[in-house]
C-alpha atoms as a PDB file:
ATOM      1  CA  MET A   1      28.449 -42.897   6.586  1.00  0.00           C
ATOM      2  CA  THR A   2      27.588 -40.790   9.550  1.00  0.00           C
ATOM      3  CA  ALA A   3      25.281 -37.282   8.432  1.00  0.00           C
ATOM      4  CA  ILE A   4      26.455 -34.294   9.335  1.00  0.00           C
ATOM      5  CA  PRO A   5      23.479 -32.174  11.688  1.00  0.00           C
ATOM      6  CA  LEU A   6      22.788 -28.957  10.479  1.00  0.00           C
ATOM      7  CA  GLU A   7      24.524 -25.829  11.936  1.00  0.00           C
ATOM      8  CA  LYS A   8      21.427 -24.231  14.176  1.00  0.00           C
ATOM      9  CA  GLU A   9      20.349 -20.685  13.493  1.00  0.00           C
ATOM     10  CA  THR A  10      21.752 -18.523  16.160  1.00  0.00           C
ATOM     11  CA  ALA A  11      21.562 -15.126  15.291  1.00  0.00           C
ATOM     12  CA  HIS A  12      18.888 -13.104  16.645  1.00  0.00           C
ATOM     13  CA  TYR A  13      16.858 -11.018  13.962  1.00  0.00           C
ATOM     14  CA  PRO A  14      14.717  -7.868  16.072  1.00  0.00           C
ATOM     15  CA  ASP A  15      11.483  -6.238  15.061  1.00  0.00           C
ATOM     16  CA  SER A  16      12.505  -3.331  16.469  1.00  0.00           C
ATOM     17  CA  ASP A  17      14.841  -0.855  17.455  1.00  0.00           C
ATOM     18  CA  GLY A  18      12.689   1.854  19.106  1.00  0.00           C
ATOM     19  CA  GLU A  19      13.038   4.348  17.025  1.00  0.00           C
ATOM     20  CA  PRO A  20       9.942   6.462  16.063  1.00  0.00           C
ATOM     21  CA  MET A  21       8.926   4.882  12.360  1.00  0.00           C
ATOM     22  CA  ALA A  22       8.917   8.724  10.218  1.00  0.00           C
ATOM     23  CA  GLU A  23      10.649  12.051   9.909  1.00  0.00           C
ATOM     24  CA  THR A  24       7.429  14.055  10.485  1.00  0.00           C
ATOM     25  CA  GLU A  25       3.498  13.198  11.136  1.00  0.00           C
ATOM     26  CA  LEU A  26       3.262  14.198   7.418  1.00  0.00           C
ATOM     27  CA  HIS A  27       5.962  11.225   6.420  1.00  0.00           C
ATOM     28  CA  LEU A  28       3.648   8.918   8.967  1.00  0.00           C
ATOM     29  CA  GLN A  29       0.334   9.780   6.551  1.00  0.00           C
ATOM     30  CA  GLU A  30       2.111   9.061   3.440  1.00  0.00           C
ATOM     31  CA  MET A  31       3.933   6.139   4.527  1.00  0.00           C
ATOM     32  CA  VAL A  32       0.426   4.489   6.122  1.00  0.00           C
ATOM     33  CA  TYR A  33      -1.332   5.694   2.970  1.00  0.00           C
ATOM     34  CA  ALA A  34       1.314   4.144   0.349  1.00  0.00           C
ATOM     35  CA  TRP A  35       0.834   0.974   2.630  1.00  0.00           C
ATOM     36  CA  GLU A  36      -3.111   0.943   2.783  1.00  0.00           C
ATOM     37  CA  ALA A  37      -3.397   2.295  -0.846  1.00  0.00           C
ATOM     38  CA  LEU A  38      -0.675  -0.632  -2.272  1.00  0.00           C
ATOM     39  CA  ASN A  39      -3.022  -3.404  -0.179  1.00  0.00           C
ATOM     40  CA  GLN A  40      -6.203  -2.156  -1.265  1.00  0.00           C
ATOM     41  CA  HIS A  41      -5.012  -2.620  -4.924  1.00  0.00           C
ATOM     42  CA  PHE A  42      -3.162  -5.977  -4.534  1.00  0.00           C
ATOM     43  CA  GLN A  43      -6.437  -7.479  -1.868  1.00  0.00           C
ATOM     44  CA  GLY A  44      -7.554  -9.954  -4.606  1.00  0.00           C
ATOM     45  CA  GLU A  45      -4.451 -11.427  -5.037  1.00  0.00           C
ATOM     46  CA  PRO A  46      -3.223 -13.597  -2.310  1.00  0.00           C
ATOM     47  CA  ASP A  47       0.637 -14.054  -3.550  1.00  0.00           C
ATOM     48  CA  VAL A  48       1.301 -10.874  -3.240  1.00  0.00           C
ATOM     49  CA  PHE A  49       2.354  -9.450  -0.356  1.00  0.00           C
ATOM     50  CA  VAL A  50       2.333  -5.702   0.838  1.00  0.00           C
ATOM     51  CA  GLY A  51       4.701  -4.724   3.592  1.00  0.00           C
ATOM     52  CA  ALA A  52       5.293  -1.184   5.401  1.00  0.00           C
ATOM     53  CA  ASN A  53       8.472  -0.039   8.237  1.00  0.00           C
ATOM     54  CA  MET A  54       9.466  -3.851   9.156  1.00  0.00           C
ATOM     55  CA  PHE A  55      12.854  -4.618   9.182  1.00  0.00           C
ATOM     56  CA  LEU A  56      13.932  -6.384   6.293  1.00  0.00           C
ATOM     57  CA  TYR A  57      16.881  -8.558   6.780  1.00  0.00           C
ATOM     58  CA  TYR A  58      18.629  -9.715   3.524  1.00  0.00           C
ATOM     59  CA  ARG A  59      21.858 -11.848   4.935  1.00  0.00           C
ATOM     60  CA  GLN A  60      21.385 -14.496   7.192  1.00  0.00           C
ATOM     61  CA  GLY A  61      23.600 -14.759  10.654  1.00  0.00           C
ATOM     62  CA  ASP A  62      24.037 -10.750  10.104  1.00  0.00           C
ATOM     63  CA  PRO A  63      21.441  -8.803  11.926  1.00  0.00           C
ATOM     64  CA  ALA A  64      23.432  -5.863  11.091  1.00  0.00           C
ATOM     65  CA  ALA A  65      22.599  -6.403   7.386  1.00  0.00           C
ATOM     66  CA  VAL A  66      18.649  -5.092   7.615  1.00  0.00           C
ATOM     67  CA  VAL A  67      16.671  -2.369   5.922  1.00  0.00           C
ATOM     68  CA  ALA A  68      13.058  -1.032   6.785  1.00  0.00           C
ATOM     69  CA  PRO A  69      11.652  -0.178   3.704  1.00  0.00           C
ATOM     70  CA  ASP A  70       8.555   2.753   4.255  1.00  0.00           C
ATOM     71  CA  ALA A  71       6.441   0.284   2.071  1.00  0.00           C
ATOM     72  CA  PHE A  72       7.264  -2.581  -0.244  1.00  0.00           C
ATOM     73  CA  VAL A  73       5.733  -5.133  -2.522  1.00  0.00           C
ATOM     74  CA  VAL A  74       6.746  -8.582  -2.732  1.00  0.00           C
ATOM     75  CA  LYS A  75       5.261 -11.034  -5.821  1.00  0.00           C
ATOM     76  CA  GLY A  76       5.150 -14.681  -5.364  1.00  0.00           C
ATOM     77  CA  VAL A  77       5.219 -14.418  -1.535  1.00  0.00           C
ATOM     78  CA  PRO A  78       2.026 -15.605  -0.116  1.00  0.00           C
ATOM     79  CA  LYS A  79      -0.146 -13.576   2.497  1.00  0.00           C
ATOM     80  CA  LEU A  80       0.148 -15.251   5.997  1.00  0.00           C
ATOM     81  CA  PRO A  81      -3.325 -17.209   6.716  1.00  0.00           C
ATOM     82  CA  GLY A  82      -5.514 -16.777   9.100  1.00  0.00           C
ATOM     83  CA  GLY A  83      -5.201 -12.712   9.871  1.00  0.00           C
ATOM     84  CA  GLN A  84      -1.260 -13.643  10.541  1.00  0.00           C
ATOM     85  CA  GLU A  85       0.989 -10.684  10.340  1.00  0.00           C
ATOM     86  CA  ARG A  86       5.020 -11.016   9.843  1.00  0.00           C
ATOM     87  CA  ARG A  87       6.965  -9.375  12.305  1.00  0.00           C
ATOM     88  CA  THR A  88      10.043  -9.287  10.060  1.00  0.00           C
ATOM     89  CA  TYR A  89      11.270 -10.633   6.382  1.00  0.00           C
ATOM     90  CA  LEU A  90      14.291 -12.402   6.322  1.00  0.00           C
ATOM     91  CA  LEU A  91      14.784 -12.697   2.546  1.00  0.00           C
ATOM     92  CA  TRP A  92      16.903 -16.526   2.929  1.00  0.00           C
ATOM     93  CA  GLU A  93      13.509 -17.987   3.804  1.00  0.00           C
ATOM     94  CA  GLU A  94      11.101 -15.587   2.106  1.00  0.00           C
ATOM     95  CA  GLY A  95      13.379 -16.868  -1.191  1.00  0.00           C
ATOM     96  CA  GLN A  96      11.945 -13.469  -3.017  1.00  0.00           C
ATOM     97  CA  ALA A  97      13.202  -9.956  -2.447  1.00  0.00           C
ATOM     98  CA  PRO A  98      10.456  -6.760  -3.005  1.00  0.00           C
ATOM     99  CA  CYS A  99       9.780  -6.039  -6.119  1.00  0.00           C
ATOM    100  CA  PHE A 100       9.260  -2.517  -5.224  1.00  0.00           C
ATOM    101  CA  VAL A 101       9.834  -0.096  -2.796  1.00  0.00           C
ATOM    102  CA  LEU A 102       8.725   3.253  -1.549  1.00  0.00           C
ATOM    103  CA  GLU A 103      11.292   4.992   0.727  1.00  0.00           C
ATOM    104  CA  THR A 104       8.990   8.969   2.110  1.00  0.00           C
ATOM    105  CA  THR A 105      12.601  10.786   2.372  1.00  0.00           C
ATOM    106  CA  SER A 106      13.703  13.936   3.642  1.00  0.00           C
ATOM    107  CA  THR A 107      17.261  16.011   4.324  1.00  0.00           C
ATOM    108  CA  SER A 108      17.427  13.895   7.559  1.00  0.00           C
ATOM    109  CA  THR A 109      17.455  10.690   6.019  1.00  0.00           C
ATOM    110  CA  HIS A 110      19.037  11.035   2.507  1.00  0.00           C
ATOM    111  CA  GLU A 111      22.032   9.687   3.983  1.00  0.00           C
ATOM    112  CA  GLN A 112      20.605   6.818   4.744  1.00  0.00           C
ATOM    113  CA  ASP A 113      18.517   6.658   1.569  1.00  0.00           C
ATOM    114  CA  LYS A 114      21.301   6.636  -0.533  1.00  0.00           C
ATOM    115  CA  LYS A 115      22.944   3.384   1.251  1.00  0.00           C
ATOM    116  CA  LYS A 116      19.348   1.943   1.150  1.00  0.00           C
ATOM    117  CA  LYS A 117      19.354   2.242  -2.918  1.00  0.00           C
ATOM    118  CA  VAL A 118      22.378   0.607  -3.262  1.00  0.00           C
ATOM    119  CA  ILE A 119      21.218  -2.206  -0.892  1.00  0.00           C
ATOM    120  CA  TYR A 120      17.499  -2.658  -2.782  1.00  0.00           C
ATOM    121  CA  GLU A 121      19.971  -2.550  -5.984  1.00  0.00           C
ATOM    122  CA  GLN A 122      22.233  -5.414  -4.502  1.00  0.00           C
ATOM    123  CA  ILE A 123      19.374  -7.613  -3.832  1.00  0.00           C
ATOM    124  CA  GLY A 124      17.266  -6.701  -7.049  1.00  0.00           C
ATOM    125  CA  VAL A 125      14.731  -4.375  -5.963  1.00  0.00           C
ATOM    126  CA  THR A 126      12.715  -3.824  -9.728  1.00  0.00           C
ATOM    127  CA  GLU A 127      11.726  -0.924  -8.874  1.00  0.00           C
ATOM    128  CA  TYR A 128      12.677   1.947  -6.233  1.00  0.00           C
ATOM    129  CA  PHE A 129      11.003   5.445  -5.529  1.00  0.00           C
ATOM    130  CA  GLN A 130      11.207   8.239  -3.508  1.00  0.00           C
ATOM    131  CA  PHE A 131       8.945  11.037  -2.300  1.00  0.00           C
ATOM    132  CA  ASP A 132      10.055  14.246  -0.268  1.00  0.00           C
ATOM    133  CA  PRO A 133       7.030  15.621   1.270  1.00  0.00           C
ATOM    134  CA  PHE A 134       8.545  18.988   2.105  1.00  0.00           C
ATOM    135  CA  GLY A 135      10.553  19.193  -0.495  1.00  0.00           C
ATOM    136  CA  GLU A 136      13.219  19.396   1.283  1.00  0.00           C
ATOM    137  CA  TYR A 137      15.995  17.935  -1.372  1.00  0.00           C
ATOM    138  CA  LEU A 138      14.476  16.223  -4.086  1.00  0.00           C
ATOM    139  CA  ARG A 139      13.842  17.883  -7.508  1.00  0.00           C
ATOM    140  CA  PRO A 140      11.607  17.123  -8.137  1.00  0.00           C
ATOM    141  CA  PRO A 141       9.737  15.855  -5.108  1.00  0.00           C
ATOM    142  CA  LEU A 142       8.753  12.038  -6.722  1.00  0.00           C
ATOM    143  CA  GLN A 143      11.232  10.765  -8.141  1.00  0.00           C
ATOM    144  CA  GLY A 144      11.894   6.487  -9.020  1.00  0.00           C
ATOM    145  CA  TYR A 145      14.416   3.929 -10.488  1.00  0.00           C
ATOM    146  CA  ARG A 146      14.130   0.333 -12.272  1.00  0.00           C
ATOM    147  CA  LEU A 147      16.552  -1.956 -12.116  1.00  0.00           C
ATOM    148  CA  VAL A 148      17.929  -2.640 -15.571  1.00  0.00           C
ATOM    149  CA  GLY A 149      20.671  -4.949 -16.219  1.00  0.00           C
ATOM    150  CA  GLY A 150      21.462  -5.048 -12.504  1.00  0.00           C
ATOM    151  CA  HIS A 151      21.616  -0.977 -12.104  1.00  0.00           C
ATOM    152  CA  TYR A 152      18.803   1.449 -11.529  1.00  0.00           C
ATOM    153  CA  GLN A 153      18.475   3.591 -14.300  1.00  0.00           C
ATOM    154  CA  ARG A 154      16.146   6.952 -13.681  1.00  0.00           C
ATOM    155  CA  LEU A 155      12.437   7.497 -14.643  1.00  0.00           C
ATOM    156  CA  GLN A 156      11.607  10.565 -16.751  1.00  0.00           C
ATOM    157  CA  PRO A 157       8.665  11.314 -14.790  1.00  0.00           C
ATOM    158  CA  GLY A 158       4.820  11.967 -16.627  1.00  0.00           C
ATOM    159  CA  PRO A 159       2.618  15.138 -16.570  1.00  0.00           C
ATOM    160  CA  GLY A 160       2.404  16.395 -13.328  1.00  0.00           C
ATOM    161  CA  GLY A 161       5.451  15.041 -12.323  1.00  0.00           C
ATOM    162  CA  SER A 162       3.789  11.355 -11.734  1.00  0.00           C
ATOM    163  CA  LEU A 163       5.808   7.787 -12.354  1.00  0.00           C
ATOM    164  CA  LEU A 164       4.213   4.827 -13.533  1.00  0.00           C
ATOM    165  CA  SER A 165       5.303   1.416 -11.221  1.00  0.00           C
ATOM    166  CA  GLN A 166       5.249  -0.750 -14.174  1.00  0.00           C
ATOM    167  CA  ILE A 167       5.384  -3.840 -11.551  1.00  0.00           C
ATOM    168  CA  THR A 168       2.626  -2.753  -9.178  1.00  0.00           C
ATOM    169  CA  GLY A 169       0.504  -1.593 -12.063  1.00  0.00           C
ATOM    170  CA  VAL A 170      -0.079   1.528  -9.991  1.00  0.00           C
ATOM    171  CA  VAL A 171       0.403   5.554 -10.915  1.00  0.00           C
ATOM    172  CA  PHE A 172       2.516   7.549  -8.082  1.00  0.00           C
ATOM    173  CA  ARG A 173       1.460  11.473  -8.894  1.00  0.00           C
ATOM    174  CA  PRO A 174       2.813  14.448  -6.464  1.00  0.00           C
ATOM    175  CA  ASP A 175      -0.233  16.264  -5.370  1.00  0.00           C
ATOM    176  CA  GLY A 176       1.319  18.971  -3.076  1.00  0.00           C
ATOM    177  CA  ARG A 177       3.034  17.433  -0.298  1.00  0.00           C
ATOM    178  CA  ARG A 178       1.071  14.169  -0.341  1.00  0.00           C
ATOM    179  CA  LEU A 179       0.899  11.282  -2.958  1.00  0.00           C
ATOM    180  CA  ARG A 180      -1.900   9.978  -4.975  1.00  0.00           C
ATOM    181  CA  LEU A 181      -2.079   6.529  -6.375  1.00  0.00           C
ATOM    182  CA  GLU A 182      -3.799   5.506  -8.860  1.00  0.00           C
ATOM    183  CA  ASP A 183      -4.830   2.200 -10.597  1.00  0.00           C
ATOM    184  CA  ALA A 184      -2.973   2.654 -14.070  1.00  0.00           C
ATOM    185  CA  ARG A 185      -5.214   0.166 -15.651  1.00  0.00           C
ATOM    186  CA  THR A 186      -8.650   2.165 -14.706  1.00  0.00           C
ATOM    187  CA  GLY A 187      -6.742   5.340 -13.328  1.00  0.00           C
ATOM    188  CA  ALA A 188      -9.457   4.602 -10.105  1.00  0.00           C
ATOM    189  CA  PRO A 189      -7.833   6.939  -7.728  1.00  0.00           C
ATOM    190  CA  LEU A 190      -6.473   4.440  -4.685  1.00  0.00           C
ATOM    191  CA  LEU A 191      -8.830   6.291  -1.794  1.00  0.00           C
ATOM    192  CA  ARG A 192      -7.213   7.276   1.662  1.00  0.00           C
ATOM    193  CA  ARG A 193      -8.651   6.100   4.843  1.00  0.00           C
ATOM    194  CA  GLU A 194     -10.818   8.936   5.315  1.00  0.00           C
ATOM    195  CA  GLU A 195     -11.970   8.973   1.932  1.00  0.00           C
ATOM    196  CA  LEU A 196     -12.930   5.313   2.245  1.00  0.00           C
ATOM    197  CA  GLU A 197     -14.748   5.913   5.345  1.00  0.00           C
ATOM    198  CA  ALA A 198     -16.520   9.184   3.927  1.00  0.00           C
ATOM    199  CA  LYS A 199     -17.439   6.887   0.647  1.00  0.00           C
ATOM    200  CA  ALA A 200     -18.952   3.881   2.718  1.00  0.00           C
ATOM    201  CA  ALA A 201     -20.987   6.704   5.038  1.00  0.00           C
ATOM    202  CA  ALA A 202     -22.439   8.112   1.373  1.00  0.00           C
ATOM    203  CA  GLU A 203     -22.876   5.097   0.173  1.00  0.00           C
ATOM    204  CA  ALA A 204     -24.812   3.708   3.474  1.00  0.00           C
ATOM    205  CA  MET A 205     -26.832   7.215   3.771  1.00  0.00           C
ATOM    206  CA  ALA A 206     -28.012   6.774   0.225  1.00  0.00           C
ATOM    207  CA  ARG A 207     -29.004   3.195   0.724  1.00  0.00           C
ATOM    208  CA  ARG A 208     -31.438   4.208   3.768  1.00  0.00           C
ATOM    209  CA  GLN A 209     -32.432   6.737   1.740  1.00  0.00           C
ATOM    210  CA  ALA A 210     -33.547   4.451  -1.037  1.00  0.00           C
ATOM    211  CA  ASP A 211     -34.898   1.852   1.773  1.00  0.00           C
ATOM    212  CA  GLU A 212     -36.697   4.628   3.260  1.00  0.00           C
ATOM    213  CA  ARG A 213     -38.190   6.360  -0.612  1.00  0.00           C
ATOM    214  CA  ALA A 214     -39.232   2.460  -1.241  1.00  0.00           C
ATOM    215  CA  ALA A 215     -41.008   2.136   2.105  1.00  0.00           C
ATOM    216  CA  ALA A 216     -43.124   5.382   1.506  1.00  0.00           C
ATOM    217  CA  ALA A 217     -43.910   4.551  -2.116  1.00  0.00           C
ATOM    218  CA  GLU A 218     -45.079   1.064  -0.863  1.00  0.00           C
ATOM    219  CA  GLU A 219     -46.909   2.737   1.781  1.00  0.00           C
ATOM    220  CA  ARG A 220     -48.826   5.455  -1.014  1.00  0.00           C
ATOM    221  CA  ALA A 221     -49.256   1.934  -2.923  1.00  0.00           C
ATOM    222  CA  ARG A 222     -51.374  -0.099   0.323  1.00  0.00           C
ATOM    223  CA  VAL A 223     -53.161   3.363   1.068  1.00  0.00           C
ATOM    224  CA  LEU A 224     -54.325   4.151  -2.559  1.00  0.00           C
ATOM    225  CA  GLU A 225     -55.063  -0.094  -2.629  1.00  0.00           C
ATOM    226  CA  GLU A 226     -57.475   0.331   0.639  1.00  0.00           C
ATOM    227  CA  GLU A 227     -59.645   3.900  -0.743  1.00  0.00           C
ATOM    228  CA  LEU A 228     -60.235   1.877  -4.167  1.00  0.00           C
ATOM    229  CA  ALA A 229     -61.293  -1.106  -2.083  1.00  0.00           C
ATOM    230  CA  ARG A 230     -63.272   1.399  -0.027  1.00  0.00           C
ATOM    231  CA  LEU A 231     -64.694   2.617  -2.803  1.00  0.00           C
ATOM    232  CA  ARG A 232     -65.399  -0.161  -4.771  1.00  0.00           C
ATOM    233  CA  SER A 233     -67.391  -1.291  -1.715  1.00  0.00           C
ATOM    234  CA  GLU A 234     -69.384   1.532  -1.373  1.00  0.00           C
ATOM    235  CA  ARG A 235     -70.644   1.987  -5.312  1.00  0.00           C
ATOM    236  CA  GLY A 236     -71.213  -2.033  -4.967  1.00  0.00           C
END
């Protein structure tokens, strides 16, 4: 019996459409923060991938079947070795849909986000959050949905309009026009890049000051020892 050769994949799946990454600078800042904070949260877990503004193709052979989540988390899919980066996310190759998606939304994108919500529900994204930094149309500005029985159910916000993402173990909290992410288990904030840099600078300064104090103490002890030796010598 002659084997039938597998049909070669001919579709092209671009990794960019030339459009701006975000609606405004603030939207971009919040997208980047969410991506970096989630990466920070999962940095010790090799089988969790965190992506941002990446084309996610969900139907093989159809390059039009694509969404680009602002930030998303996939469990059960390893980070690539050696610092390699995914340029696109092909659902049929990876074999696992995101478990969490966050979209930073606005009046001009909310119709598109409605369509994305339907797609995320269909492909099995467990949790879908939306954040409207300017409060242009979402009331409250942070809203979330969880997949129950194949359909999204709206999450009830906690104190201060916060939302708990059970699937990621992260609390999302609106802070004016910005987001604050926190570790749900410890309550520790997931810091922004500038906060991490300031913390690292403060820790480096504290280490230098501690080293200087230790060196000064050693010098005082040396001088004292020399003085005691001199006195003993004079008395002898």
